[in-house]
Protein backbone atom coordinates (compact mmCIF):
# COMPACT_ATOMS: atom_id res chain seq x y z
CA MET A 1 16.80 -13.05 4.60
CA LYS A 2 14.30 -13.65 7.36
CA ILE A 3 13.86 -10.84 9.88
CA TRP A 4 11.54 -11.40 12.84
CA TYR A 5 11.18 -9.13 15.81
CA ASN A 6 8.57 -8.27 18.42
CA VAL A 7 6.71 -11.49 17.57
CA HIS A 8 3.23 -12.00 19.04
CA MET A 9 1.96 -15.55 18.71
CA LYS A 10 -1.74 -15.10 18.13
CA HIS A 11 -4.39 -16.11 15.65
CA PHE A 12 -5.84 -13.43 13.40
CA LYS A 13 -9.31 -13.42 11.88
CA ALA A 14 -8.49 -11.26 8.87
CA VAL A 15 -5.56 -10.17 6.72
CA ILE A 16 -5.67 -6.71 5.13
CA PHE A 17 -3.21 -6.15 2.30
CA ASP A 18 -1.73 -3.00 0.88
CA MET A 19 -1.39 -3.36 -2.90
CA ASP A 20 1.66 -1.55 -4.29
CA GLY A 21 4.91 -3.13 -3.16
CA VAL A 22 3.02 -5.96 -1.43
CA LEU A 23 0.96 -7.68 -4.13
CA VAL A 24 2.45 -5.99 -7.19
CA ASP A 25 5.94 -4.63 -7.84
CA THR A 26 4.85 -1.18 -9.01
CA GLU A 27 7.00 1.24 -7.03
CA SER A 28 9.77 1.60 -9.64
CA TYR A 29 7.16 2.27 -12.35
CA TYR A 30 5.49 4.90 -10.19
CA LEU A 31 8.87 6.51 -9.53
CA ASN A 32 9.78 6.78 -13.21
CA ARG A 33 6.34 8.06 -14.19
CA ARG A 34 6.34 10.74 -11.49
CA ASN A 35 9.85 11.88 -12.36
CA GLU A 36 8.94 12.23 -16.03
CA PHE A 37 5.84 14.24 -15.16
CA PHE A 38 7.67 16.65 -12.86
CA GLU A 39 10.48 17.09 -15.38
CA SER A 40 7.98 17.88 -18.14
CA HIS A 41 6.43 20.55 -15.89
CA HIS A 42 9.83 21.95 -14.82
CA ILE A 43 9.21 21.08 -11.17
CA SER A 44 12.26 20.11 -9.12
CA ILE A 45 11.85 17.36 -6.53
CA GLU A 46 15.54 17.15 -5.64
CA HIS A 47 14.65 18.16 -2.07
CA MET A 48 12.53 15.03 -1.65
CA LYS A 49 13.39 11.37 -1.21
CA ASN A 50 11.83 8.55 -3.20
CA ARG A 51 10.34 7.12 -0.01
CA ASP A 52 8.36 10.35 0.51
CA PHE A 53 6.12 9.28 -2.38
CA ILE A 54 5.55 5.69 -1.28
CA GLY A 55 2.47 4.57 0.60
CA GLY A 56 0.55 7.82 0.50
CA ASN A 57 -1.35 9.96 -1.97
CA LEU A 58 0.12 12.68 -4.17
CA LYS A 59 -2.69 15.05 -3.20
CA ASP A 60 -1.17 15.31 0.29
CA LEU A 61 2.35 16.04 -0.97
CA TRP A 62 1.85 19.17 -3.06
CA PRO A 63 2.83 21.57 -0.23
CA MET A 64 6.11 19.68 0.19
CA ILE A 65 6.69 19.39 -3.57
CA LEU A 66 5.98 23.03 -4.42
CA GLY A 67 7.31 24.65 -1.25
CA ASP A 68 7.06 28.44 -1.41
CA ASN A 69 5.31 28.17 -4.79
CA TYR A 70 2.40 26.21 -3.33
CA THR A 71 -1.14 27.45 -3.74
CA GLU A 72 -4.30 25.39 -3.51
CA SER A 73 -5.29 26.29 -7.05
CA LYS A 74 -1.87 25.34 -8.44
CA ALA A 75 -1.96 22.01 -6.61
CA LYS A 76 -5.43 21.32 -7.96
CA GLU A 77 -4.33 22.14 -11.51
CA LEU A 78 -1.23 19.96 -11.28
CA GLY A 79 -3.19 17.14 -9.68
CA LYS A 80 -5.60 17.13 -12.59
CA ALA A 81 -2.71 17.20 -15.07
CA TYR A 82 -0.97 14.31 -13.31
CA ARG A 83 -4.10 12.17 -13.30
CA ALA A 84 -4.44 12.69 -17.05
CA TYR A 85 -0.74 11.90 -17.55
CA LYS A 86 -1.03 8.79 -15.38
CA ASP A 87 -4.05 7.55 -17.30
CA SER A 88 -2.14 7.94 -20.57
CA ILE A 89 0.63 5.61 -19.32
CA PRO A 90 -1.09 2.64 -17.65
CA LEU A 91 1.01 0.26 -15.62
CA PRO A 92 1.69 -3.22 -17.07
CA TYR A 93 -0.07 -4.97 -14.19
CA ALA A 94 0.02 -8.30 -16.03
CA ASP A 95 3.80 -8.39 -15.52
CA LEU A 96 3.99 -7.08 -11.97
CA LEU A 97 2.27 -9.58 -9.65
CA PHE A 98 4.67 -11.10 -7.13
CA SER A 99 5.02 -14.82 -7.77
CA ASP A 100 3.77 -15.94 -4.35
CA VAL A 101 0.57 -13.87 -4.24
CA LYS A 102 -1.88 -16.48 -5.51
CA GLY A 103 -0.43 -19.22 -3.34
CA THR A 104 -0.68 -16.90 -0.34
CA LEU A 105 -4.30 -16.02 -1.04
CA ASP A 106 -5.18 -19.68 -1.64
CA TYR A 107 -3.72 -20.60 1.74
CA LEU A 108 -5.54 -17.81 3.57
CA LYS A 109 -8.83 -18.75 1.93
CA LYS A 110 -8.35 -22.43 2.77
CA GLU A 111 -7.65 -21.54 6.41
CA ASN A 112 -10.76 -19.33 6.58
CA TYR A 113 -8.98 -16.01 7.02
CA ARG A 114 -11.04 -13.09 5.81
CA ILE A 115 -9.19 -10.99 3.23
CA ALA A 116 -9.36 -7.28 2.41
CA LEU A 117 -7.33 -4.73 0.48
CA ALA A 118 -6.64 -1.13 1.54
CA SER A 119 -4.56 0.78 -1.00
CA SER A 120 -3.66 4.42 -1.60
CA SER A 121 -4.12 3.78 -5.32
CA SER A 122 -7.24 4.84 -7.18
CA MET A 123 -10.14 2.40 -7.36
CA ASP A 124 -9.64 2.24 -11.14
CA ASP A 125 -6.07 1.04 -10.60
CA ILE A 126 -7.16 -1.39 -7.90
CA ASN A 127 -9.86 -2.87 -10.13
CA THR A 128 -7.46 -3.15 -13.07
CA CYS A 129 -4.87 -4.95 -10.96
CA ILE A 130 -7.35 -7.27 -9.27
CA ASP A 131 -9.18 -8.19 -12.47
CA THR A 132 -6.02 -8.59 -14.56
CA HIS A 133 -4.94 -11.35 -12.20
CA HIS A 134 -8.42 -12.75 -11.45
CA LEU A 135 -8.12 -12.06 -7.71
CA ARG A 136 -11.53 -10.57 -7.00
CA ALA A 137 -12.98 -13.76 -5.51
CA TYR A 138 -10.40 -13.68 -2.72
CA PHE A 139 -11.28 -10.24 -1.35
CA GLU A 140 -14.33 -9.31 0.71
CA ILE A 141 -13.44 -5.62 0.71
CA LEU A 142 -11.50 -3.31 -1.63
CA LEU A 143 -10.77 0.21 -0.36
CA SER A 144 -9.07 3.12 -2.13
CA GLY A 145 -7.34 5.97 -0.32
CA ASN A 146 -8.91 8.35 -2.83
CA ASP A 147 -12.23 7.78 -1.05
CA PHE A 148 -10.95 9.17 2.25
CA ALA A 149 -10.36 12.78 3.23
CA GLN A 150 -6.99 11.82 4.71
CA SER A 151 -4.67 9.26 3.17
CA LYS A 152 -2.07 7.05 4.81
CA PRO A 153 -0.39 7.61 7.30
CA HIS A 154 -3.80 8.59 8.70
CA PRO A 155 -5.47 5.40 9.99
CA ALA A 156 -8.88 6.05 8.37
CA ILE A 157 -8.57 3.48 5.57
CA TYR A 158 -7.56 0.65 7.91
CA GLN A 159 -10.14 1.70 10.48
CA ALA A 160 -12.78 1.46 7.74
CA ALA A 161 -11.55 -1.96 6.61
CA ILE A 162 -11.65 -3.29 10.16
CA GLN A 163 -15.10 -1.82 10.73
CA GLN A 164 -16.47 -3.27 7.49
CA LEU A 165 -15.05 -6.68 8.37
CA GLY A 166 -16.83 -6.44 11.71
CA ILE A 167 -13.79 -7.49 13.74
CA ALA A 168 -11.76 -6.01 16.57
CA PRO A 169 -8.55 -4.19 15.56
CA SER A 170 -6.57 -6.78 17.52
CA ASP A 171 -7.93 -9.50 15.21
CA ALA A 172 -6.57 -7.79 12.07
CA LEU A 173 -3.19 -8.44 10.47
CA VAL A 174 -2.07 -5.71 8.06
CA ILE A 175 0.59 -6.43 5.41
CA GLU A 176 2.46 -3.30 4.35
CA ASP A 177 5.80 -2.06 3.09
CA SER A 178 5.88 1.73 3.46
CA GLN A 179 6.38 3.94 6.51
CA ASN A 180 3.06 5.66 5.82
CA GLY A 181 1.20 2.38 5.49
CA ILE A 182 2.76 0.89 8.60
CA ALA A 183 1.80 3.98 10.61
CA SER A 184 -1.75 3.81 9.24
CA GLY A 185 -2.19 0.19 10.24
CA LYS A 186 -0.61 0.59 13.67
CA ASP A 187 -2.65 3.68 14.51
CA ALA A 188 -5.79 1.76 13.51
CA GLY A 189 -4.91 -0.75 16.24
CA ALA A 190 -3.92 -3.64 13.98
CA THR A 191 -0.82 -5.82 14.02
CA VAL A 192 1.41 -4.85 11.07
CA TRP A 193 3.90 -7.06 9.29
CA ALA A 194 6.12 -5.40 6.69
CA ILE A 195 7.68 -6.73 3.51
CA SER A 196 11.33 -5.76 3.92
CA ASP A 197 12.49 -2.94 1.67
CA GLU A 198 15.93 -3.10 0.06
CA ARG A 199 15.46 -0.36 -2.57
CA PHE A 200 13.81 2.77 -1.22
CA ASP A 201 15.26 3.14 2.30
CA MET A 202 11.84 3.08 3.93
CA ASN A 203 11.59 3.35 7.69
CA GLN A 204 9.84 0.18 8.86
CA GLU A 205 10.67 0.42 12.56
CA ARG A 206 7.04 0.55 13.72
CA ALA A 207 6.18 -2.77 12.10
CA ASP A 208 5.61 -5.63 14.52
CA GLN A 209 7.56 -7.95 12.21
CA ARG A 210 9.45 -7.77 8.96
CA MET A 211 9.71 -10.50 6.34
CA SER A 212 11.28 -10.86 2.92
CA SER A 213 8.15 -12.13 1.16
CA LEU A 214 4.54 -13.24 1.49
CA THR A 215 5.81 -16.81 1.57
CA GLU A 216 7.50 -16.04 4.89
CA MET A 217 4.23 -14.61 6.14
CA ILE A 218 2.57 -17.98 5.53
CA VAL A 219 5.41 -19.79 7.31
CA GLN A 220 4.86 -17.59 10.35
CA LEU A 221 1.06 -17.96 10.30
CA LYS A 222 1.45 -21.73 10.26
CA THR A 223 3.26 -21.58 13.60
CA MET A 224 0.35 -19.83 15.31
């Protein structure tokens, strides 16, 4: 289903993609892996919603996860344990690329859009995903939220992408799916289009437009 609202007919110089939920269908895998980790450590997350974990970084969520049991040292210890657990169960990136990604990137390249990626995932995960699908040649810039003091929804990662591209925020189109990512892109001054969410009840109200797929993004860009 196509959902357009608050449409601004303008030409962008660059498209900055989120990765998870936009280029690769990883969110369900992340959900299952996190749940198994917390269960194995006897940590209840019943007070949290699945969407709380999407589009940000786990390091920022420990106070919410642990509540009254939170201490900085405990969060650091659990963070280290989770990274080790995560590394022991790598995602099957080869099976997770959305079918319209390569066609989308081919079109953007042909039309001389500059392309960047700004993801909350680790750079190791970004590199694995990009290289598994031979996408590196499309992207000028790859940024990981782990390299910033504050993760999405803070705008730092998109501000950095825009700065490194050497463009004005108004010339950047951000493609996101999560509430945190949308807020990050908007607060960086970019236009944000969101891939509609039907599974995790994410709040996408701040997005300038919503669309069901990257294919619909191309349809809209062709009208500009």
